[in-house]
């Protein structure tokens, strides 16, 4: 399993357009065969950096997934929306593998107010 990290440099005046674009991928990406982790928009700090993350089995599966995206009408429409609205100034992809497993269960601190 590999994770695709997409780093976006976005126009800070067009974050609502990026959010719309990101929500669209919420249906398209899983339908085309990747396990969407999520899209992340600026909140605090940089107003121009956003991310999209999804898991896929292998680089070969990634190539097949990209072909399905290209053939998906909503996928093509979302790409066209991004070109037309020009809210993405730059886009970079990085593929990483998880190396910190196994993870221990989350330990929640006890309520110290009592």
C-alpha atoms as a PDB file:
ATOM      1  CA  UNK A   1       0.000   0.000   0.000  1.00  0.00           C
ATOM      2  CA  UNK A   2       1.261   3.459  -0.899  1.00  0.00           C
ATOM      3  CA  UNK A   3      -0.167   6.869  -0.103  1.00  0.00           C
ATOM      4  CA  UNK A   4      -0.300   9.631  -2.665  1.00  0.00           C
ATOM      5  CA  UNK A   5       0.253  13.057  -1.136  1.00  0.00           C
ATOM      6  CA  UNK A   6      -0.814  15.867  -3.449  1.00  0.00           C
ATOM      7  CA  UNK A   7       0.474  19.263  -2.403  1.00  0.00           C
ATOM      8  CA  UNK A   8      -1.380  22.210  -3.885  1.00  0.00           C
ATOM      9  CA  UNK A   9      -0.344  25.836  -4.038  1.00  0.00           C
ATOM     10  CA  UNK A  10      -3.712  27.579  -4.274  1.00  0.00           C
ATOM     11  CA  UNK A  11      -4.889  31.136  -4.782  1.00  0.00           C
ATOM     12  CA  UNK A  12      -5.801  32.337  -1.257  1.00  0.00           C
ATOM     13  CA  UNK A  13      -8.704  34.358  -2.673  1.00  0.00           C
ATOM     14  CA  UNK A  14     -10.229  31.176  -4.141  1.00  0.00           C
ATOM     15  CA  UNK A  15     -10.266  28.712  -1.224  1.00  0.00           C
ATOM     16  CA  UNK A  16     -14.033  28.226  -1.601  1.00  0.00           C
ATOM     17  CA  UNK A  17     -13.479  27.040  -5.182  1.00  0.00           C
ATOM     18  CA  UNK A  18     -10.782  24.639  -3.951  1.00  0.00           C
ATOM     19  CA  UNK A  19     -13.162  23.330  -1.267  1.00  0.00           C
ATOM     20  CA  UNK A  20     -15.813  22.685  -3.929  1.00  0.00           C
ATOM     21  CA  UNK A  21     -13.210  20.851  -6.039  1.00  0.00           C
ATOM     22  CA  UNK A  22     -12.150  18.795  -2.997  1.00  0.00           C
ATOM     23  CA  UNK A  23     -15.734  17.815  -2.102  1.00  0.00           C
ATOM     24  CA  UNK A  24     -16.272  16.613  -5.674  1.00  0.00           C
ATOM     25  CA  UNK A  25     -13.330  14.217  -5.346  1.00  0.00           C
ATOM     26  CA  UNK A  26     -15.065  12.704  -2.304  1.00  0.00           C
ATOM     27  CA  UNK A  27     -17.295  10.694  -4.643  1.00  0.00           C
ATOM     28  CA  UNK A  28     -15.078  10.436  -7.715  1.00  0.00           C
ATOM     29  CA  UNK A  29     -11.848   9.080  -6.206  1.00  0.00           C
ATOM     30  CA  UNK A  30     -13.398   6.107  -4.347  1.00  0.00           C
ATOM     31  CA  UNK A  31     -15.560   5.256  -7.374  1.00  0.00           C
ATOM     32  CA  UNK A  32     -12.418   5.099  -9.523  1.00  0.00           C
ATOM     33  CA  UNK A  33     -10.609   2.762  -7.121  1.00  0.00           C
ATOM     34  CA  UNK A  34      -8.510   4.695  -4.611  1.00  0.00           C
ATOM     35  CA  UNK A  35      -9.057   4.888  -0.841  1.00  0.00           C
ATOM     36  CA  UNK A  36      -9.538   8.611  -0.213  1.00  0.00           C
ATOM     37  CA  UNK A  37      -8.123   9.825   3.101  1.00  0.00           C
ATOM     38  CA  UNK A  38      -9.198  13.397   2.478  1.00  0.00           C
ATOM     39  CA  UNK A  39      -8.536  16.869   1.162  1.00  0.00           C
ATOM     40  CA  UNK A  40      -7.216  19.527   3.507  1.00  0.00           C
ATOM     41  CA  UNK A  41      -7.607  23.275   2.999  1.00  0.00           C
ATOM     42  CA  UNK A  42      -5.732  26.099   4.705  1.00  0.00           C
ATOM     43  CA  UNK A  43      -6.931  26.865   8.212  1.00  0.00           C
ATOM     44  CA  UNK A  44      -4.063  28.423  10.151  1.00  0.00           C
ATOM     45  CA  UNK A  45      -0.587  29.328   8.971  1.00  0.00           C
ATOM     46  CA  UNK A  46      -0.114  29.247   5.207  1.00  0.00           C
ATOM     47  CA  UNK A  47      -3.125  30.483   3.261  1.00  0.00           C
ATOM     48  CA  UNK A  48      -1.855  28.931   0.035  1.00  0.00           C
ATOM     49  CA  UNK A  49      -1.012  25.300   0.922  1.00  0.00           C
ATOM     50  CA  UNK A  50      -3.579  22.511   0.624  1.00  0.00           C
ATOM     51  CA  UNK A  51      -3.305  18.718   0.436  1.00  0.00           C
ATOM     52  CA  UNK A  52      -5.115  15.717  -0.974  1.00  0.00           C
ATOM     53  CA  UNK A  53      -4.274  12.214   0.277  1.00  0.00           C
ATOM     54  CA  UNK A  54      -5.361   8.761  -0.834  1.00  0.00           C
ATOM     55  CA  UNK A  55      -4.132   5.193  -0.557  1.00  0.00           C
ATOM     56  CA  UNK A  56      -3.632   2.854  -3.477  1.00  0.00           C
ATOM     57  CA  UNK A  57      -2.235  -0.682  -3.649  1.00  0.00           C
ATOM     58  CA  UNK A  58       0.721  -0.022  -5.993  1.00  0.00           C
ATOM     59  CA  UNK A  59       2.063   2.225  -8.723  1.00  0.00           C
ATOM     60  CA  UNK A  60       0.572  -0.155 -11.292  1.00  0.00           C
ATOM     61  CA  UNK A  61      -2.836   0.270  -9.615  1.00  0.00           C
ATOM     62  CA  UNK A  62      -2.225   4.028  -9.637  1.00  0.00           C
ATOM     63  CA  UNK A  63      -1.812   3.985 -13.426  1.00  0.00           C
ATOM     64  CA  UNK A  64      -5.062   2.020 -13.835  1.00  0.00           C
ATOM     65  CA  UNK A  65      -6.802   4.393 -11.419  1.00  0.00           C
ATOM     66  CA  UNK A  66      -5.609   7.426 -13.421  1.00  0.00           C
ATOM     67  CA  UNK A  67      -7.020   5.867 -16.601  1.00  0.00           C
ATOM     68  CA  UNK A  68     -10.386   5.375 -14.878  1.00  0.00           C
ATOM     69  CA  UNK A  69     -10.317   9.022 -13.681  1.00  0.00           C
ATOM     70  CA  UNK A  70      -9.656  10.160 -17.240  1.00  0.00           C
ATOM     71  CA  UNK A  71     -12.718   8.209 -18.435  1.00  0.00           C
ATOM     72  CA  UNK A  72     -14.972   9.358 -15.569  1.00  0.00           C
ATOM     73  CA  UNK A  73     -17.347  12.165 -16.676  1.00  0.00           C
ATOM     74  CA  UNK A  74     -17.403  13.796 -13.215  1.00  0.00           C
ATOM     75  CA  UNK A  75     -13.620  13.467 -12.956  1.00  0.00           C
ATOM     76  CA  UNK A  76     -13.150  15.230 -16.283  1.00  0.00           C
ATOM     77  CA  UNK A  77     -15.662  17.879 -15.225  1.00  0.00           C
ATOM     78  CA  UNK A  78     -13.785  18.492 -11.960  1.00  0.00           C
ATOM     79  CA  UNK A  79     -10.457  18.839 -13.767  1.00  0.00           C
ATOM     80  CA  UNK A  80     -12.077  21.292 -16.185  1.00  0.00           C
ATOM     81  CA  UNK A  81     -13.538  23.247 -13.251  1.00  0.00           C
ATOM     82  CA  UNK A  82     -10.044  23.636 -11.780  1.00  0.00           C
ATOM     83  CA  UNK A  83      -8.614  24.827 -15.115  1.00  0.00           C
ATOM     84  CA  UNK A  84     -11.478  27.244 -15.714  1.00  0.00           C
ATOM     85  CA  UNK A  85     -11.435  28.768 -12.217  1.00  0.00           C
ATOM     86  CA  UNK A  86      -7.610  28.743 -11.934  1.00  0.00           C
ATOM     87  CA  UNK A  87      -7.486  28.342  -8.156  1.00  0.00           C
ATOM     88  CA  UNK A  88      -4.625  25.806  -8.331  1.00  0.00           C
ATOM     89  CA  UNK A  89      -1.320  27.537  -9.036  1.00  0.00           C
ATOM     90  CA  UNK A  90       0.853  24.435  -8.632  1.00  0.00           C
ATOM     91  CA  UNK A  91       0.327  20.746  -7.914  1.00  0.00           C
ATOM     92  CA  UNK A  92       2.966  18.196  -6.836  1.00  0.00           C
ATOM     93  CA  UNK A  93       2.543  14.459  -6.144  1.00  0.00           C
ATOM     94  CA  UNK A  94       4.616  12.356  -3.787  1.00  0.00           C
ATOM     95  CA  UNK A  95       4.170   8.630  -3.123  1.00  0.00           C
ATOM     96  CA  UNK A  96       5.086   7.344   0.337  1.00  0.00           C
ATOM     97  CA  UNK A  97       4.745   4.073   2.198  1.00  0.00           C
ATOM     98  CA  UNK A  98       3.725   3.835   5.853  1.00  0.00           C
ATOM     99  CA  UNK A  99       6.706   2.780   7.939  1.00  0.00           C
ATOM    100  CA  UNK A 100       5.538   3.344  11.539  1.00  0.00           C
ATOM    101  CA  UNK A 101       3.180   0.378  11.945  1.00  0.00           C
ATOM    102  CA  UNK A 102       2.001  -1.268  14.057  1.00  0.00           C
ATOM    103  CA  UNK A 103       0.502   1.607  15.998  1.00  0.00           C
ATOM    104  CA  UNK A 104      -0.603   1.286  19.592  1.00  0.00           C
ATOM    105  CA  UNK A 105      -4.186   2.201  20.492  1.00  0.00           C
ATOM    106  CA  UNK A 106      -4.875   5.841  21.276  1.00  0.00           C
ATOM    107  CA  UNK A 107      -4.600   6.658  24.979  1.00  0.00           C
ATOM    108  CA  UNK A 108      -6.874   9.480  26.037  1.00  0.00           C
ATOM    109  CA  UNK A 109      -5.771  11.523  29.058  1.00  0.00           C
ATOM    110  CA  UNK A 110      -8.076  11.192  32.054  1.00  0.00           C
ATOM    111  CA  UNK A 111     -10.203  14.171  33.003  1.00  0.00           C
ATOM    112  CA  UNK A 112      -8.019  16.029  35.525  1.00  0.00           C
ATOM    113  CA  UNK A 113     -10.695  18.516  36.593  1.00  0.00           C
ATOM    114  CA  UNK A 114     -12.215  16.166  39.165  1.00  0.00           C
END
